[in-house]
Amino acid sequence: MNDKQFRFWKMRRSGMSNVSIANLIGITRQGVSQALLAMDEKIDASLREMAQANRIQVEKIDVERGVLFGKSIPFQTNAYIFVSEKHGMQVWYEHDGDCISCDEFTKCIEFIWDFAAELGIKLEKTQDPTKMAEELLAKIRGDRE
């Protein structure tokens, strides 16, 4: 992905308007709009490719936030794909697990906190990645409805 386009996309995702991005960077609003349109197409295509590779049926895509909402065909559960600046593309499956004994415990908490921060979403402090993910997803769903 084009670094400049991705930078503009991240700025918009953090809440900046196209005009603010243009003024900050020193280019036209139309230039920002064109870059964002191109980036939205790339994000959409990447999310769809990841869904296909993971056999996730797409229900909705929020390209501005970098989130795909879907259903895992093999696992028969809700699945989400996230575009994260720090973690790249990540697939998250809704599940009930024993997070405390899982080897991925720290990675899951770190990813959830980082992605929430990238979206400007505040989470209640908890040590349970499943509950943190539920809170994050509820806030993302609530924001888009």
Protein backbone atom coordinates (compact mmCIF):
# COMPACT_ATOMS: atom_id res chain seq x y z
CA MET A 1 0.00 0.00 0.00
CA ASN A 2 1.13 3.52 -0.74
CA ASP A 3 2.60 4.99 2.46
CA LYS A 4 1.16 8.46 1.81
CA GLN A 5 -2.32 7.09 1.12
CA PHE A 6 -2.13 4.93 4.26
CA ARG A 7 -1.02 7.95 6.29
CA PHE A 8 -4.03 9.95 5.04
CA TRP A 9 -6.31 6.98 5.80
CA LYS A 10 -4.97 6.72 9.37
CA MET A 11 -5.50 10.45 9.86
CA ARG A 12 -9.11 10.20 8.66
CA ARG A 13 -9.68 7.14 10.85
CA SER A 14 -8.49 9.15 13.85
CA GLY A 15 -11.23 11.69 13.11
CA MET A 16 -9.51 14.30 10.96
CA SER A 17 -11.47 15.83 8.10
CA ASN A 18 -10.16 15.90 4.53
CA VAL A 19 -9.72 19.67 4.82
CA SER A 20 -7.67 19.30 8.01
CA ILE A 21 -5.48 16.62 6.40
CA ALA A 22 -4.99 18.81 3.31
CA ASN A 23 -4.04 21.83 5.40
CA LEU A 24 -1.66 19.83 7.57
CA ILE A 25 0.09 18.17 4.61
CA GLY A 26 -0.06 21.20 2.33
CA ILE A 27 -1.99 19.69 -0.58
CA THR A 28 -5.46 20.22 -2.00
CA ARG A 29 -8.59 18.71 -0.47
CA GLN A 30 -9.19 17.02 -3.82
CA GLY A 31 -5.75 15.40 -3.61
CA VAL A 32 -6.61 14.02 -0.18
CA SER A 33 -10.01 12.81 -1.43
CA GLN A 34 -8.44 11.01 -4.39
CA ALA A 35 -5.82 9.37 -2.17
CA LEU A 36 -8.49 8.26 0.30
CA LEU A 37 -10.70 6.81 -2.43
CA ALA A 38 -7.75 4.80 -3.72
CA MET A 39 -6.89 3.68 -0.19
CA ASP A 40 -10.50 2.69 0.56
CA GLU A 41 -10.45 0.44 -2.53
CA LYS A 42 -7.20 -1.18 -1.36
CA ILE A 43 -8.50 -1.69 2.19
CA ASP A 44 -11.75 -3.19 0.85
CA ALA A 45 -9.88 -5.55 -1.49
CA SER A 46 -7.43 -6.61 1.23
CA LEU A 47 -10.21 -7.30 3.74
CA ARG A 48 -12.13 -9.33 1.14
CA GLU A 49 -9.02 -11.34 0.20
CA MET A 50 -8.33 -12.11 3.87
CA ALA A 51 -11.98 -13.14 4.36
CA GLN A 52 -11.80 -15.47 1.37
CA ALA A 53 -8.51 -16.99 2.57
CA ASN A 54 -10.02 -17.64 6.01
CA ARG A 55 -13.42 -18.81 4.68
CA ILE A 56 -15.29 -15.93 6.26
CA GLN A 57 -18.62 -14.93 4.75
CA VAL A 58 -18.68 -11.13 4.52
CA GLU A 59 -21.61 -9.37 6.18
CA LYS A 60 -20.35 -5.78 6.24
CA ILE A 61 -17.16 -3.82 5.64
CA ASP A 62 -16.30 -0.52 7.28
CA VAL A 63 -13.38 0.66 5.10
CA GLU A 64 -13.00 3.94 6.97
CA ARG A 65 -12.21 2.07 10.18
CA GLY A 66 -10.64 -0.97 8.58
CA VAL A 67 -13.01 -3.61 9.93
CA LEU A 68 -14.76 -6.50 8.19
CA PHE A 69 -17.73 -8.14 9.94
CA GLY A 70 -18.52 -11.69 8.92
CA LYS A 71 -19.21 -15.27 9.82
CA SER A 72 -16.64 -18.05 9.82
CA ILE A 73 -17.97 -20.87 7.66
CA PRO A 74 -15.87 -23.67 9.24
CA PHE A 75 -16.19 -22.44 12.84
CA GLN A 76 -19.81 -21.21 12.60
CA THR A 77 -19.07 -18.11 14.65
CA ASN A 78 -18.82 -14.39 14.11
CA ALA A 79 -15.48 -13.33 12.72
CA TYR A 80 -13.84 -9.95 12.30
CA ILE A 81 -10.87 -8.80 10.29
CA PHE A 82 -9.03 -5.68 11.39
CA VAL A 83 -6.51 -3.44 9.66
CA SER A 84 -4.09 -2.27 12.32
CA GLU A 85 -1.16 0.05 11.83
CA LYS A 86 0.89 -1.80 14.44
CA HIS A 87 -0.33 -5.38 13.93
CA GLY A 88 -1.21 -5.51 10.23
CA MET A 89 -4.29 -7.51 9.29
CA GLN A 90 -5.72 -9.62 12.08
CA VAL A 91 -8.58 -12.12 12.16
CA TRP A 92 -10.61 -12.39 15.37
CA TYR A 93 -13.15 -15.14 15.99
CA GLU A 94 -15.81 -14.78 18.68
CA HIS A 95 -15.25 -17.55 21.18
CA ASP A 96 -15.42 -18.48 24.82
CA GLY A 97 -12.05 -19.63 25.96
CA ASP A 98 -9.81 -19.97 28.94
CA CYS A 99 -7.80 -16.84 28.23
CA ILE A 100 -5.74 -16.98 31.44
CA SER A 101 -4.11 -20.29 30.47
CA CYS A 102 -3.67 -19.40 26.77
CA ASP A 103 -0.19 -18.79 25.36
CA GLU A 104 -1.59 -15.88 23.31
CA PHE A 105 -3.03 -14.04 26.36
CA THR A 106 -0.58 -11.11 26.31
CA LYS A 107 -0.69 -10.77 22.51
CA CYS A 108 -4.50 -10.65 22.53
CA ILE A 109 -4.65 -7.97 25.21
CA GLU A 110 -1.98 -5.92 23.46
CA PHE A 111 -3.78 -6.16 20.11
CA ILE A 112 -7.15 -5.17 21.57
CA TRP A 113 -5.70 -2.19 23.46
CA ASP A 114 -3.69 -1.06 20.41
CA PHE A 115 -6.59 -1.38 17.98
CA ALA A 116 -8.95 0.43 20.34
CA ALA A 117 -6.38 3.24 20.63
CA GLU A 118 -6.02 3.42 16.83
CA LEU A 119 -9.80 3.93 16.62
CA GLY A 120 -9.91 6.35 19.54
CA ILE A 121 -12.08 3.98 21.57
CA LYS A 122 -11.65 3.83 25.34
CA LEU A 123 -12.06 0.45 26.99
CA GLU A 124 -12.77 -0.35 30.62
CA LYS A 125 -9.74 -1.92 32.21
CA THR A 126 -10.01 -5.66 32.48
CA GLN A 127 -7.68 -8.61 32.34
CA ASP A 128 -9.97 -10.76 30.20
CA PRO A 129 -9.25 -10.48 26.45
CA THR A 130 -12.64 -12.01 25.60
CA LYS A 131 -14.50 -9.33 27.56
CA MET A 132 -12.24 -6.60 26.15
CA ALA A 133 -12.93 -7.82 22.62
CA GLU A 134 -16.67 -7.94 23.29
CA GLU A 135 -16.57 -4.35 24.55
CA LEU A 136 -14.49 -3.17 21.59
CA LEU A 137 -16.73 -4.90 19.04
CA ALA A 138 -19.88 -3.57 20.70
CA LYS A 139 -18.48 -0.05 20.49
CA ILE A 140 -17.47 -0.49 16.85
CA ARG A 141 -20.89 -1.90 15.95
CA GLY A 142 -22.64 0.86 17.90
CA ASP A 143 -20.61 3.55 16.17
CA ARG A 144 -21.51 2.31 12.70
CA GLU A 145 -25.25 1.86 13.21
